[in-house]
């Protein structure tokens, strides 16, 4: 049985009532992708914003 989608785009609920985000649910690739995106948001982005704030790029 395919997951039932609720009104939020990209968020579906499987038969075990576990949220399914897109096509990478519970796979190694999905976990690596999620970890990579969280790392990009948490490490380089704040450093780039701080450098820009202090005028390093001007």
N, C-alpha and C. Protein backbone atom coordinates (compact mmCIF):
# COMPACT_ATOMS: atom_id res chain seq x y z
N UNK A 1 0.84 -1.18 0.00
CA UNK A 1 0.00 0.00 0.00
C UNK A 1 0.89 1.24 0.00
N UNK A 2 0.66 2.19 -0.95
CA UNK A 2 1.48 3.40 -0.98
C UNK A 2 1.16 4.31 0.20
N UNK A 3 2.11 5.17 0.55
CA UNK A 3 1.85 6.07 1.67
C UNK A 3 0.71 7.03 1.38
N UNK A 4 -0.04 7.39 2.41
CA UNK A 4 -1.11 8.37 2.26
C UNK A 4 -0.52 9.77 2.45
N UNK A 5 -0.78 10.65 1.51
CA UNK A 5 -0.27 12.01 1.61
C UNK A 5 -1.28 12.88 2.33
N UNK A 6 -0.76 13.74 3.19
CA UNK A 6 -1.60 14.71 3.87
C UNK A 6 -1.35 16.07 3.24
N UNK A 7 -2.09 17.11 3.59
CA UNK A 7 -2.05 18.36 2.83
C UNK A 7 -0.71 19.09 2.76
N UNK A 8 0.32 18.64 3.42
CA UNK A 8 1.61 19.31 3.34
C UNK A 8 2.43 18.67 2.22
N UNK A 9 2.95 19.49 1.27
CA UNK A 9 3.68 18.89 0.15
C UNK A 9 4.95 18.19 0.62
N UNK A 10 5.19 17.02 0.08
CA UNK A 10 6.39 16.26 0.40
C UNK A 10 6.31 15.45 1.67
N UNK A 11 5.25 15.57 2.44
CA UNK A 11 5.13 14.84 3.69
C UNK A 11 4.01 13.81 3.56
N UNK A 12 4.37 12.55 3.68
CA UNK A 12 3.39 11.47 3.61
C UNK A 12 3.53 10.62 4.87
N UNK A 13 2.52 9.86 5.15
CA UNK A 13 2.54 8.97 6.31
C UNK A 13 2.39 7.55 5.79
N UNK A 14 3.29 6.67 6.19
CA UNK A 14 3.23 5.28 5.75
C UNK A 14 2.23 4.51 6.61
N UNK A 15 2.10 3.22 6.30
CA UNK A 15 1.14 2.41 7.06
C UNK A 15 1.55 2.25 8.52
N UNK A 16 2.79 2.53 8.87
CA UNK A 16 3.23 2.46 10.27
C UNK A 16 3.11 3.81 10.96
N UNK A 17 2.45 4.78 10.32
CA UNK A 17 2.28 6.14 10.83
C UNK A 17 3.62 6.84 11.06
N UNK A 18 4.63 6.43 10.32
CA UNK A 18 5.93 7.08 10.39
C UNK A 18 6.01 8.07 9.23
N UNK A 19 6.41 9.31 9.47
CA UNK A 19 6.48 10.27 8.36
C UNK A 19 7.48 9.83 7.30
N UNK A 20 7.11 10.05 6.06
CA UNK A 20 7.96 9.73 4.92
C UNK A 20 8.21 11.03 4.17
N UNK A 21 9.46 11.44 4.09
CA UNK A 21 9.81 12.69 3.42
C UNK A 21 10.38 12.38 2.06
N UNK A 22 9.60 12.60 1.01
CA UNK A 22 10.09 12.39 -0.34
C UNK A 22 10.37 10.93 -0.64
N UNK A 23 11.31 10.69 -1.56
CA UNK A 23 11.59 9.33 -1.99
C UNK A 23 12.75 8.70 -1.25
N UNK A 24 13.44 9.44 -0.37
CA UNK A 24 14.61 8.92 0.33
C UNK A 24 14.28 8.56 1.77
N UNK A 25 13.22 7.85 2.00
CA UNK A 25 12.85 7.52 3.37
C UNK A 25 13.55 6.25 3.82
N UNK A 26 14.20 6.31 4.96
CA UNK A 26 14.81 5.14 5.60
C UNK A 26 15.83 4.43 4.71
N UNK A 27 16.54 5.14 3.87
CA UNK A 27 17.61 4.53 3.08
C UNK A 27 18.92 5.17 3.49
N UNK A 28 20.00 4.48 3.20
CA UNK A 28 21.32 5.02 3.53
C UNK A 28 21.57 6.31 2.75
N UNK A 29 21.13 6.36 1.50
CA UNK A 29 21.32 7.57 0.70
C UNK A 29 20.55 8.74 1.30
N UNK A 30 19.34 8.46 1.79
CA UNK A 30 18.54 9.52 2.39
C UNK A 30 19.17 10.05 3.66
N UNK A 31 19.71 9.15 4.47
CA UNK A 31 20.38 9.60 5.70
C UNK A 31 21.62 10.42 5.38
N UNK A 32 22.38 10.00 4.38
CA UNK A 32 23.59 10.74 4.01
C UNK A 32 23.23 12.10 3.42
N UNK A 33 22.19 12.14 2.61
CA UNK A 33 21.75 13.40 2.02
C UNK A 33 21.29 14.37 3.10
N UNK A 34 20.51 13.88 4.04
CA UNK A 34 20.02 14.72 5.13
C UNK A 34 21.18 15.22 5.99
N UNK A 35 22.12 14.34 6.29
CA UNK A 35 23.28 14.74 7.07
C UNK A 35 24.13 15.77 6.35
N UNK A 36 24.31 15.58 5.05
CA UNK A 36 25.08 16.54 4.26
C UNK A 36 24.43 17.90 4.21
N UNK A 37 23.12 17.93 4.03
CA UNK A 37 22.42 19.22 3.99
C UNK A 37 22.46 19.91 5.35
N UNK A 38 22.29 19.15 6.41
CA UNK A 38 22.38 19.76 7.74
C UNK A 38 23.78 20.28 8.01
N UNK A 39 24.82 19.58 7.54
CA UNK A 39 26.19 20.05 7.73
C UNK A 39 26.41 21.35 6.97
N UNK A 40 25.90 21.41 5.72
CA UNK A 40 26.07 22.63 4.93
C UNK A 40 25.39 23.82 5.60
N UNK A 41 24.24 23.60 6.19
CA UNK A 41 23.53 24.69 6.87
C UNK A 41 24.20 25.07 8.18
N UNK A 42 24.82 24.11 8.85
CA UNK A 42 25.34 24.36 10.18
C UNK A 42 26.77 24.83 10.24
N UNK A 43 27.61 24.48 9.27
CA UNK A 43 29.02 24.81 9.35
C UNK A 43 29.41 25.94 8.38
N UNK A 44 29.42 25.71 7.06
CA UNK A 44 29.95 26.76 6.18
C UNK A 44 29.07 27.99 6.05
N UNK A 45 27.76 27.83 6.07
CA UNK A 45 26.89 28.99 5.87
C UNK A 45 27.06 30.05 6.96
N UNK A 46 27.06 29.72 8.24
CA UNK A 46 27.28 30.76 9.25
C UNK A 46 28.67 31.41 9.14
N UNK A 47 29.67 30.64 8.76
CA UNK A 47 31.01 31.22 8.61
C UNK A 47 31.03 32.20 7.46
N UNK A 48 30.41 31.85 6.34
CA UNK A 48 30.35 32.76 5.19
C UNK A 48 29.58 34.02 5.55
N UNK A 49 28.47 33.87 6.28
CA UNK A 49 27.70 35.05 6.69
C UNK A 49 28.50 35.95 7.63
N UNK A 50 29.25 35.36 8.55
CA UNK A 50 30.09 36.18 9.44
C UNK A 50 31.19 36.90 8.66
N UNK A 51 31.82 36.22 7.72
CA UNK A 51 32.84 36.87 6.90
C UNK A 51 32.25 38.02 6.09
N UNK A 52 31.06 37.80 5.54
CA UNK A 52 30.41 38.87 4.78
C UNK A 52 30.04 40.04 5.68
N UNK A 53 29.57 39.73 6.90
CA UNK A 53 29.18 40.77 7.86
C UNK A 53 30.38 41.64 8.24
N UNK A 54 31.55 41.04 8.40
CA UNK A 54 32.73 41.79 8.79
C UNK A 54 33.47 42.39 7.59
N UNK A 55 32.92 42.27 6.40
CA UNK A 55 33.47 42.96 5.23
C UNK A 55 34.65 42.28 4.57
N UNK A 56 34.83 41.01 4.75
CA UNK A 56 35.96 40.31 4.15
C UNK A 56 35.83 40.24 2.64
N UNK A 57 34.62 40.20 2.12
CA UNK A 57 34.41 40.06 0.68
C UNK A 57 34.33 41.40 -0.05
N UNK A 58 34.53 42.52 0.64
CA UNK A 58 34.45 43.82 -0.01
C UNK A 58 35.80 44.33 -0.40
